C-alpha atoms as a PDB file:
ATOM      1  CA  MET A   1     105.204 120.966  99.258  1.00  0.00           C
ATOM      2  CA  ARG A   2     103.070 123.223  97.028  1.00  0.00           C
ATOM      3  CA  LYS A   3     105.953 125.585  96.402  1.00  0.00           C
ATOM      4  CA  ILE A   4     108.200 122.776  95.031  1.00  0.00           C
ATOM      5  CA  GLU A   5     105.458 121.532  92.826  1.00  0.00           C
ATOM      6  CA  LEU A   6     105.003 124.957  91.252  1.00  0.00           C
ATOM      7  CA  ASN A   7     108.736 125.247  90.595  1.00  0.00           C
ATOM      8  CA  LYS A   8     108.512 121.864  88.829  1.00  0.00           C
ATOM      9  CA  TYR A   9     105.833 123.180  86.744  1.00  0.00           C
ATOM     10  CA  TRP A  10     107.837 126.106  85.535  1.00  0.00           C
ATOM     11  CA  MET A  11     110.862 123.750  85.038  1.00  0.00           C
ATOM     12  CA  TRP A  12     108.722 121.437  82.848  1.00  0.00           C
ATOM     13  CA  ILE A  13     107.815 124.425  80.705  1.00  0.00           C
ATOM     14  CA  ILE A  14     111.646 125.387  80.249  1.00  0.00           C
ATOM     15  CA  LEU A  15     112.635 121.727  79.614  1.00  0.00           C
ATOM     16  CA  LEU A  16     109.825 121.570  77.066  1.00  0.00           C
ATOM     17  CA  ALA A  17     111.263 124.674  75.304  1.00  0.00           C
ATOM     18  CA  LEU A  18     114.847 123.038  75.278  1.00  0.00           C
ATOM     19  CA  ASN A  19     113.467 119.938  73.582  1.00  0.00           C
ATOM     20  CA  PHE A  20     111.290 122.014  71.235  1.00  0.00           C
ATOM     21  CA  GLN A  21     114.535 123.453  69.739  1.00  0.00           C
ATOM     22  CA  LEU A  22     115.599 120.001  68.578  1.00  0.00           C
ATOM     23  CA  LYS A  23     112.221 118.951  66.869  1.00  0.00           C
ATOM     24  CA  ALA A  24     110.656 119.728  63.660  1.00  0.00           C
ATOM     25  CA  GLN A  25     107.465 121.134  65.388  1.00  0.00           C
ATOM     26  CA  GLU A  26     104.402 122.605  63.545  1.00  0.00           C
ATOM     27  CA  GLY A  27     102.927 125.941  64.363  1.00  0.00           C
ATOM     28  CA  ILE A  28     103.273 129.550  63.180  1.00  0.00           C
ATOM     29  CA  ASP A  29     106.607 129.525  61.523  1.00  0.00           C
ATOM     30  CA  THR A  30     109.367 131.967  62.752  1.00  0.00           C
ATOM     31  CA  LEU A  31     110.432 132.768  59.173  1.00  0.00           C
ATOM     32  CA  MET A  32     106.797 133.972  58.430  1.00  0.00           C
ATOM     33  CA  ILE A  33     106.728 136.007  61.648  1.00  0.00           C
ATOM     34  CA  ARG A  34     109.844 137.719  60.504  1.00  0.00           C
ATOM     35  CA  GLU A  35     109.015 138.176  56.759  1.00  0.00           C
ATOM     36  CA  MET A  36     105.426 139.252  57.427  1.00  0.00           C
ATOM     37  CA  LYS A  37     106.495 141.543  60.353  1.00  0.00           C
ATOM     38  CA  ILE A  38     104.045 140.055  62.778  1.00  0.00           C
ATOM     39  CA  LYS A  39     103.785 142.011  65.983  1.00  0.00           C
ATOM     40  CA  ARG A  40     101.118 140.250  67.932  1.00  0.00           C
ATOM     41  CA  ILE A  41      99.122 136.991  67.795  1.00  0.00           C
ATOM     42  CA  THR A  42      95.971 136.723  69.767  1.00  0.00           C
ATOM     43  CA  VAL A  43      94.013 133.491  70.372  1.00  0.00           C
ATOM     44  CA  PHE A  44      90.541 133.188  71.418  1.00  0.00           C
ATOM     45  CA  VAL A  45      88.955 129.907  72.384  1.00  0.00           C
ATOM     46  CA  LYS A  46      85.259 128.664  72.592  1.00  0.00           C
ATOM     47  CA  LEU A  47      84.372 125.440  74.367  1.00  0.00           C
ATOM     48  CA  PRO A  48      80.856 124.477  73.060  1.00  0.00           C
ATOM     49  CA  ILE A  49      81.364 120.979  74.612  1.00  0.00           C
ATOM     50  CA  LEU A  50      80.927 122.523  77.978  1.00  0.00           C
ATOM     51  CA  PRO A  51      77.508 122.718  79.724  1.00  0.00           C
ATOM     52  CA  ASN A  52      75.856 126.068  79.254  1.00  0.00           C
ATOM     53  CA  LYS A  53      78.443 127.052  76.699  1.00  0.00           C
ATOM     54  CA  THR A  54      77.632 128.135  73.143  1.00  0.00           C
ATOM     55  CA  MET A  55      79.711 129.210  70.107  1.00  0.00           C
ATOM     56  CA  ASP A  56      78.967 132.886  71.165  1.00  0.00           C
ATOM     57  CA  ASP A  57      81.079 132.279  74.362  1.00  0.00           C
ATOM     58  CA  SER A  58      84.833 133.072  73.827  1.00  0.00           C
ATOM     59  CA  CYS A  59      87.716 133.537  76.171  1.00  0.00           C
ATOM     60  CA  LYS A  60      91.131 135.093  75.373  1.00  0.00           C
ATOM     61  CA  LEU A  61      93.452 132.147  75.630  1.00  0.00           C
ATOM     62  CA  ASP A  62      96.871 133.146  74.399  1.00  0.00           C
ATOM     63  CA  VAL A  63      98.761 136.357  73.261  1.00  0.00           C
ATOM     64  CA  TYR A  64     102.259 136.338  71.655  1.00  0.00           C
ATOM     65  CA  GLU A  65     104.105 139.421  70.908  1.00  0.00           C
ATOM     66  CA  TYR A  66     107.255 139.776  68.823  1.00  0.00           C
ATOM     67  CA  ASP A  67     109.955 142.448  68.390  1.00  0.00           C
ATOM     68  CA  THR A  68     111.099 143.583  64.896  1.00  0.00           C
ATOM     69  CA  SER A  69     113.688 140.600  64.938  1.00  0.00           C
ATOM     70  CA  ALA A  70     110.823 138.117  65.334  1.00  0.00           C
ATOM     71  CA  ARG A  71     111.887 137.338  68.906  1.00  0.00           C
ATOM     72  CA  LEU A  72     109.085 136.442  71.350  1.00  0.00           C
ATOM     73  CA  ILE A  73     109.100 139.159  74.046  1.00  0.00           C
ATOM     74  CA  TYR A  74     105.737 138.577  75.707  1.00  0.00           C
ATOM     75  CA  GLN A  75     103.340 135.688  76.309  1.00  0.00           C
ATOM     76  CA  TYR A  76      99.818 135.676  77.821  1.00  0.00           C
ATOM     77  CA  ASN A  77      98.509 132.166  78.599  1.00  0.00           C
ATOM     78  CA  ASN A  78      95.152 131.739  80.268  1.00  0.00           C
ATOM     79  CA  THR A  79      94.439 128.103  81.013  1.00  0.00           C
ATOM     80  CA  LYS A  80      91.521 129.292  83.162  1.00  0.00           C
ATOM     81  CA  CYS A  81      89.637 129.412  79.847  1.00  0.00           C
ATOM     82  CA  TYR A  82      89.452 125.654  80.179  1.00  0.00           C
ATOM     83  CA  GLY A  83      88.341 125.811  83.735  1.00  0.00           C
ATOM     84  CA  TRP A  84      91.712 124.934  85.450  1.00  0.00           C
ATOM     85  CA  GLY A  85      95.144 126.463  85.825  1.00  0.00           C
ATOM     86  CA  ASP A  86      96.167 129.974  86.054  1.00  0.00           C
ATOM     87  CA  LEU A  87      96.723 133.150  83.973  1.00  0.00           C
ATOM     88  CA  VAL A  88     100.445 133.494  83.447  1.00  0.00           C
ATOM     89  CA  GLU A  89     102.228 136.481  81.758  1.00  0.00           C
ATOM     90  CA  SER A  90     105.836 135.963  80.610  1.00  0.00           C
ATOM     91  CA  TYR A  91     108.237 138.801  79.658  1.00  0.00           C
ATOM     92  CA  HIS A  92     111.324 137.681  77.725  1.00  0.00           C
ATOM     93  CA  PHE A  93     114.562 139.728  77.599  1.00  0.00           C
ATOM     94  CA  TYR A  94     117.550 138.988  75.252  1.00  0.00           C
ATOM     95  CA  ASN A  95     121.317 139.576  75.448  1.00  0.00           C
ATOM     96  CA  ALA A  96     123.457 141.347  72.907  1.00  0.00           C
ATOM     97  CA  LEU A  97     124.020 138.029  71.003  1.00  0.00           C
ATOM     98  CA  GLY A  98     120.220 137.643  70.545  1.00  0.00           C
ATOM     99  CA  LYS A  99     119.945 134.818  73.076  1.00  0.00           C
ATOM    100  CA  LEU A 100     117.293 134.703  75.674  1.00  0.00           C
ATOM    101  CA  ASP A 101     118.809 136.306  78.653  1.00  0.00           C
ATOM    102  CA  HIS A 102     116.113 136.174  81.338  1.00  0.00           C
ATOM    103  CA  THR A 103     112.306 135.781  81.788  1.00  0.00           C
ATOM    104  CA  THR A 104     109.939 137.212  84.326  1.00  0.00           C
ATOM    105  CA  GLN A 105     106.682 135.257  84.777  1.00  0.00           C
ATOM    106  CA  LYS A 106     103.811 136.635  86.775  1.00  0.00           C
ATOM    107  CA  THR A 107     100.676 135.063  88.000  1.00  0.00           C
ATOM    108  CA  GLN A 108      97.956 136.537  90.287  1.00  0.00           C
ATOM    109  CA  ASN A 109      99.850 135.524  93.462  1.00  0.00           C
ATOM    110  CA  ARG A 110     103.501 134.833  92.351  1.00  0.00           C
ATOM    111  CA  LEU A 111     106.431 136.300  90.556  1.00  0.00           C
ATOM    112  CA  VAL A 112     109.090 134.057  89.095  1.00  0.00           C
ATOM    113  CA  ASN A 113     112.413 135.341  87.625  1.00  0.00           C
ATOM    114  CA  ILE A 114     114.426 133.039  85.358  1.00  0.00           C
ATOM    115  CA  LYS A 115     117.954 133.568  84.350  1.00  0.00           C
ATOM    116  CA  TYR A 116     119.683 131.579  81.480  1.00  0.00           C
ATOM    117  CA  GLU A 117     123.381 130.841  80.967  1.00  0.00           C
ATOM    118  CA  TYR A 118     124.838 129.300  77.807  1.00  0.00           C
ATOM    119  CA  ASN A 119     128.037 127.436  76.550  1.00  0.00           C
ATOM    120  CA  SER A 120     130.193 128.178  73.526  1.00  0.00           C
ATOM    121  CA  LYS A 121     127.768 126.170  71.322  1.00  0.00           C
ATOM    122  CA  GLY A 122     124.665 128.142  72.405  1.00  0.00           C
ATOM    123  CA  ASP A 123     123.166 125.464  74.558  1.00  0.00           C
ATOM    124  CA  ILE A 124     121.427 126.400  77.846  1.00  0.00           C
ATOM    125  CA  ILE A 125     123.756 125.112  80.588  1.00  0.00           C
ATOM    126  CA  LYS A 126     122.257 126.696  83.676  1.00  0.00           C
ATOM    127  CA  ILE A 127     118.838 128.014  84.621  1.00  0.00           C
ATOM    128  CA  ILE A 128     118.438 130.006  87.744  1.00  0.00           C
ATOM    129  CA  GLN A 129     114.865 130.476  88.949  1.00  0.00           C
ATOM    130  CA  SER A 130     113.836 132.516  92.074  1.00  0.00           C
ATOM    131  CA  SER A 131     110.718 134.089  93.346  1.00  0.00           C
ATOM    132  CA  PRO A 132     110.372 136.896  96.058  1.00  0.00           C
ATOM    133  CA  GLN A 133     107.692 134.808  97.608  1.00  0.00           C
ATOM    134  CA  GLU A 134     110.119 131.884  98.332  1.00  0.00           C
ATOM    135  CA  PRO A 135     113.253 131.749 100.367  1.00  0.00           C
ATOM    136  CA  ASP A 136     115.011 129.066  98.096  1.00  0.00           C
ATOM    137  CA  THR A 137     116.264 129.358  94.567  1.00  0.00           C
ATOM    138  CA  LEU A 138     115.996 126.606  92.035  1.00  0.00           C
ATOM    139  CA  PHE A 139     119.063 125.783  90.076  1.00  0.00           C
ATOM    140  CA  THR A 140     118.975 123.745  87.001  1.00  0.00           C
ATOM    141  CA  ASN A 141     122.319 122.570  85.260  1.00  0.00           C
ATOM    142  CA  ASN A 142     122.387 120.857  81.952  1.00  0.00           C
ATOM    143  CA  GLU A 143     125.355 118.895  80.766  1.00  0.00           C
ATOM    144  CA  TYR A 144     125.529 117.938  76.897  1.00  0.00           C
ATOM    145  CA  VAL A 145     127.087 115.165  74.975  1.00  0.00           C
ATOM    146  CA  TYR A 146     127.497 115.600  71.219  1.00  0.00           C
ATOM    147  CA  ASP A 147     127.816 113.132  68.300  1.00  0.00           C
ATOM    148  CA  LYS A 148     130.269 113.248  65.526  1.00  0.00           C
ATOM    149  CA  LYS A 149     128.238 115.781  63.539  1.00  0.00           C
ATOM    150  CA  GLY A 150     128.068 118.033  66.557  1.00  0.00           C
ATOM    151  CA  LYS A 151     124.496 117.361  67.368  1.00  0.00           C
ATOM    152  CA  VAL A 152     123.281 116.859  71.005  1.00  0.00           C
ATOM    153  CA  SER A 153     123.071 113.022  71.712  1.00  0.00           C
ATOM    154  CA  GLN A 154     122.454 113.432  75.406  1.00  0.00           C
ATOM    155  CA  MET A 155     121.390 116.012  77.867  1.00  0.00           C
ATOM    156  CA  THR A 156     121.620 115.474  81.560  1.00  0.00           C
ATOM    157  CA  THR A 157     119.440 117.807  83.779  1.00  0.00           C
ATOM    158  CA  THR A 158     120.153 118.372  87.468  1.00  0.00           C
ATOM    159  CA  SER A 159     117.656 120.489  89.485  1.00  0.00           C
ATOM    160  CA  ILE A 160     118.525 121.654  93.032  1.00  0.00           C
ATOM    161  CA  TYR A 161     115.940 123.025  95.230  1.00  0.00           C
ATOM    162  CA  SER A 162     116.735 123.575  98.843  1.00  0.00           C
ATOM    163  CA  ILE A 163     117.731 120.029 100.108  1.00  0.00           C
ATOM    164  CA  ASP A 164     116.023 118.404  97.058  1.00  0.00           C
ATOM    165  CA  THR A 165     117.960 117.197  94.056  1.00  0.00           C
ATOM    166  CA  GLY A 166     116.525 115.635  90.980  1.00  0.00           C
ATOM    167  CA  LYS A 167     118.259 114.306  87.768  1.00  0.00           C
ATOM    168  CA  THR A 168     116.807 113.568  84.333  1.00  0.00           C
ATOM    169  CA  ILE A 169     118.608 112.157  81.302  1.00  0.00           C
ATOM    170  CA  TYR A 170     117.494 112.829  77.732  1.00  0.00           C
ATOM    171  CA  LYS A 171     118.967 110.554  74.899  1.00  0.00           C
ATOM    172  CA  TYR A 172     118.496 111.863  71.318  1.00  0.00           C
ATOM    173  CA  THR A 173     118.607 109.653  68.072  1.00  0.00           C
ATOM    174  CA  TYR A 174     118.577 111.247  64.584  1.00  0.00           C
ATOM    175  CA  ASP A 175     117.627 109.969  61.194  1.00  0.00           C
ATOM    176  CA  GLU A 176     119.882 110.115  58.039  1.00  0.00           C
ATOM    177  CA  ALA A 177     118.730 113.684  57.394  1.00  0.00           C
ATOM    178  CA  ASP A 178     119.822 114.763  60.962  1.00  0.00           C
ATOM    179  CA  ASN A 179     116.102 115.135  62.036  1.00  0.00           C
ATOM    180  CA  LEU A 180     115.174 114.055  65.440  1.00  0.00           C
ATOM    181  CA  LYS A 181     113.976 110.485  65.254  1.00  0.00           C
ATOM    182  CA  GLU A 182     113.632 109.354  68.908  1.00  0.00           C
ATOM    183  CA  LEU A 183     113.929 111.080  72.345  1.00  0.00           C
ATOM    184  CA  ASN A 184     114.099 108.805  75.355  1.00  0.00           C
ATOM    185  CA  THR A 185     113.770 110.242  78.884  1.00  0.00           C
ATOM    186  CA  TYR A 186     115.333 108.417  81.811  1.00  0.00           C
ATOM    187  CA  THR A 187     115.598 108.726  85.642  1.00  0.00           C
ATOM    188  CA  ALA A 188     119.027 109.052  87.305  1.00  0.00           C
ATOM    189  CA  ASP A 189     119.231 105.277  87.777  1.00  0.00           C
ATOM    190  CA  ASN A 190     118.592 104.781  84.042  1.00  0.00           C
ATOM    191  CA  LYS A 191     114.904 103.828  84.270  1.00  0.00           C
ATOM    192  CA  LEU A 192     113.000 104.674  81.162  1.00  0.00           C
ATOM    193  CA  ILE A 193     110.306 107.348  81.866  1.00  0.00           C
ATOM    194  CA  GLN A 194     109.237 108.171  78.453  1.00  0.00           C
ATOM    195  CA  LYS A 195     109.874 107.270  74.816  1.00  0.00           C
ATOM    196  CA  GLU A 196     108.962 109.663  71.936  1.00  0.00           C
ATOM    197  CA  THR A 197     109.282 108.933  68.314  1.00  0.00           C
ATOM    198  CA  PHE A 198     109.104 111.242  65.138  1.00  0.00           C
ATOM    199  CA  GLU A 199     108.898 110.730  61.440  1.00  0.00           C
ATOM    200  CA  ILE A 200     109.971 113.857  59.864  1.00  0.00           C
ATOM    201  CA  THR A 201     110.462 114.700  56.101  1.00  0.00           C
ATOM    202  CA  PRO A 202     114.079 115.030  55.115  1.00  0.00           C
ATOM    203  CA  ILE A 203     114.043 118.508  53.330  1.00  0.00           C
ATOM    204  CA  SER A 204     110.755 120.346  54.388  1.00  0.00           C
ATOM    205  CA  LYS A 205     111.119 119.160  58.046  1.00  0.00           C
ATOM    206  CA  LYS A 206     107.495 118.260  58.179  1.00  0.00           C
ATOM    207  CA  LEU A 207     106.489 116.058  61.137  1.00  0.00           C
ATOM    208  CA  LEU A 208     104.387 113.274  59.647  1.00  0.00           C
ATOM    209  CA  GLU A 209     103.990 110.764  62.434  1.00  0.00           C
ATOM    210  CA  PHE A 210     104.743 110.895  66.224  1.00  0.00           C
ATOM    211  CA  SER A 211     104.175 108.717  69.323  1.00  0.00           C
ATOM    212  CA  THR A 212     104.710 109.081  72.979  1.00  0.00           C
ATOM    213  CA  GLU A 213     105.026 105.958  75.157  1.00  0.00           C
ATOM    214  CA  VAL A 214     105.084 106.815  78.950  1.00  0.00           C
ATOM    215  CA  LYS A 215     106.510 104.142  81.198  1.00  0.00           C
ATOM    216  CA  LEU A 216     106.592 106.104  84.691  1.00  0.00           C
ATOM    217  CA  PRO A 217     104.735 106.782  86.824  1.00  0.00           C
ATOM    218  CA  LYS A 218     101.775 105.331  84.926  1.00  0.00           C
ATOM    219  CA  PRO A 219     101.895 103.556  81.568  1.00  0.00           C
ATOM    220  CA  SER A 220     100.242 105.185  78.598  1.00  0.00           C
ATOM    221  CA  PHE A 221     100.643 105.473  74.755  1.00  0.00           C
ATOM    222  CA  THR A 222      99.702 108.242  72.228  1.00  0.00           C
ATOM    223  CA  LYS A 223     100.256 108.163  68.605  1.00  0.00           C
ATOM    224  CA  GLY A 224      99.388 110.933  65.945  1.00  0.00           C
ATOM    225  CA  TRP A 225      99.490 111.615  62.302  1.00  0.00           C
ATOM    226  CA  ASN A 226      99.834 115.011  60.529  1.00  0.00           C
ATOM    227  CA  TYR A 227      98.383 115.753  57.049  1.00  0.00           C
ATOM    228  CA  TYR A 228      99.321 118.735  54.773  1.00  0.00           C
ATOM    229  CA  ASN A 229      97.840 120.508  51.752  1.00  0.00           C
ATOM    230  CA  PHE A 230      99.529 121.259  48.651  1.00  0.00           C
ATOM    231  CA  ASP A 231     101.065 124.294  50.226  1.00  0.00           C
ATOM    232  CA  ALA A 232     102.741 122.283  52.799  1.00  0.00           C
ATOM    233  CA  GLN A 233     100.365 123.659  55.497  1.00  0.00           C
ATOM    234  CA  LEU A 234      99.297 121.432  58.368  1.00  0.00           C
ATOM    235  CA  ILE A 235      95.529 120.745  57.890  1.00  0.00           C
ATOM    236  CA  LYS A 236      94.831 117.928  60.144  1.00  0.00           C
ATOM    237  CA  THR A 237      96.243 115.966  63.128  1.00  0.00           C
ATOM    238  CA  GLN A 238      94.699 112.542  63.895  1.00  0.00           C
ATOM    239  CA  PHE A 239      95.278 110.820  67.219  1.00  0.00           C
ATOM    240  CA  ASN A 240      95.119 107.090  68.009  1.00  0.00           C
ATOM    241  CA  ASN A 241      92.183 107.511  70.451  1.00  0.00           C
ATOM    242  CA  ASN A 242      89.948 108.940  67.641  1.00  0.00           C
ATOM    243  CA  THR A 243      90.303 112.576  68.543  1.00  0.00           C
ATOM    244  CA  TRP A 244      91.549 115.036  65.822  1.00  0.00           C
ATOM    245  CA  SER A 245      92.044 118.746  65.062  1.00  0.00           C
ATOM    246  CA  GLU A 246      91.504 120.534  61.743  1.00  0.00           C
ATOM    247  CA  LEU A 247      93.267 123.917  60.671  1.00  0.00           C
ATOM    248  CA  PHE A 248      92.168 126.473  58.340  1.00  0.00           C
ATOM    249  CA  TYR A 249      94.201 129.348  56.803  1.00  0.00           C
ATOM    250  CA  SER A 250      93.518 132.600  55.178  1.00  0.00           C
ATOM    251  CA  GLU A 251      94.479 133.445  51.552  1.00  0.00           C
ATOM    252  CA  ASN A 252      97.637 134.996  52.706  1.00  0.00           C
ATOM    253  CA  GLY A 253      98.691 131.838  54.485  1.00  0.00           C
ATOM    254  CA  PHE A 254      97.911 132.765  58.044  1.00  0.00           C
ATOM    255  CA  LEU A 255      96.386 130.302  60.418  1.00  0.00           C
ATOM    256  CA  GLU A 256      92.909 131.446  61.149  1.00  0.00           C
ATOM    257  CA  LEU A 257      90.989 128.514  62.777  1.00  0.00           C
ATOM    258  CA  ASN A 258      91.761 125.317  64.714  1.00  0.00           C
ATOM    259  CA  LEU A 259      88.930 123.007  65.612  1.00  0.00           C
ATOM    260  CA  PHE A 260      89.420 120.078  67.884  1.00  0.00           C
ATOM    261  CA  TYR A 261      86.963 117.118  67.962  1.00  0.00           C
ATOM    262  CA  ASN A 262      86.538 114.553  70.787  1.00  0.00           C
ATOM    263  CA  MET A 263      86.120 110.738  70.630  1.00  0.00           C
ATOM    264  CA  GLU A 264      82.489 111.230  70.050  1.00  0.00           C
ATOM    265  CA  GLY A 265      83.090 113.412  66.929  1.00  0.00           C
ATOM    266  CA  LYS A 266      81.769 116.460  68.644  1.00  0.00           C
ATOM    267  CA  LEU A 267      83.444 119.958  68.446  1.00  0.00           C
ATOM    268  CA  ASN A 268      85.357 120.249  71.718  1.00  0.00           C
ATOM    269  CA  SER A 269      87.180 123.593  71.193  1.00  0.00           C
ATOM    270  CA  HIS A 270      87.275 126.208  68.675  1.00  0.00           C
ATOM    271  CA  LYS A 271      90.301 128.517  68.427  1.00  0.00           C
ATOM    272  CA  SER A 272      90.455 131.657  66.360  1.00  0.00           C
ATOM    273  CA  TYR A 273      93.799 133.524  65.513  1.00  0.00           C
ATOM    274  CA  PHE A 274      94.043 137.265  65.168  1.00  0.00           C
ATOM    275  CA  TYR A 275      97.244 139.171  63.807  1.00  0.00           C
ATOM    276  CA  GLU A 276      98.693 142.540  64.248  1.00  0.00           C
ATOM    277  CA  PHE A 277     101.747 143.833  62.290  1.00  0.00           C
ATOM    278  CA  HIS A 278     104.682 146.152  62.832  1.00  0.00           C
ATOM    279  CA  ASP A 279     104.141 147.476  59.345  1.00  0.00           C
ATOM    280  CA  ARG A 280     100.922 147.194  57.443  1.00  0.00           C
ATOM    281  CA  VAL A 281     100.825 143.923  55.317  1.00  0.00           C
ATOM    282  CA  LYS A 282      98.984 144.341  51.972  1.00  0.00           C
END
């Protein structure tokens, strides 16, 4: 049973990446990575909220490495910094068309190989996940439906692992500027699992307001608001549970610091960002 749960965890990451492509997400912009020739981003986190922790304690949380075409080729994600999870290293390889071809993921006790296949529109239609430690291979097939503008209106994901088969349906709705407005996730028998909404600016593609309403297996609701400075940089995200994050930038526009506060207004986590470049940036 644990093997299947681990596979579902990796598949959740992959599906998150698929949906990420369709949203106007915030973060370190790909264009900036390419133009500034960023080679590596390293993120350290401090958790002063935890017992016996001070601002002097830090943990290497994330590392992102890019090639000269601004493609992500290596990830280091260490959720052990938060006291749970694992240290995962991911190596990404691309085909001649610049599409992600396969990924190798390593943890302390497990190796996962992930292969991607695409249709003529460039959508991922098949994900084949295998591990030397496990006899069975996880197959994930994606089927797409497009609207009149050629945008994805529905994606049906079928995952097959040994004798287990699961199906999830994603339905996308766009605003007048063709930004993703709503994403609904359903079970195979059309029961609503989750509803996500997005308010995105037409031209700059900035995410202003977002919400997630979970129906299954346990109801919950989250809403958030993003705030920007005059340079269109995200400076604060406020959540409806009275938690928030604040972001700070250097003079050259690089994200330097991300502070997250809990419901009591206490500093929960302190993230610092450090950059290396393919060529020296003046």
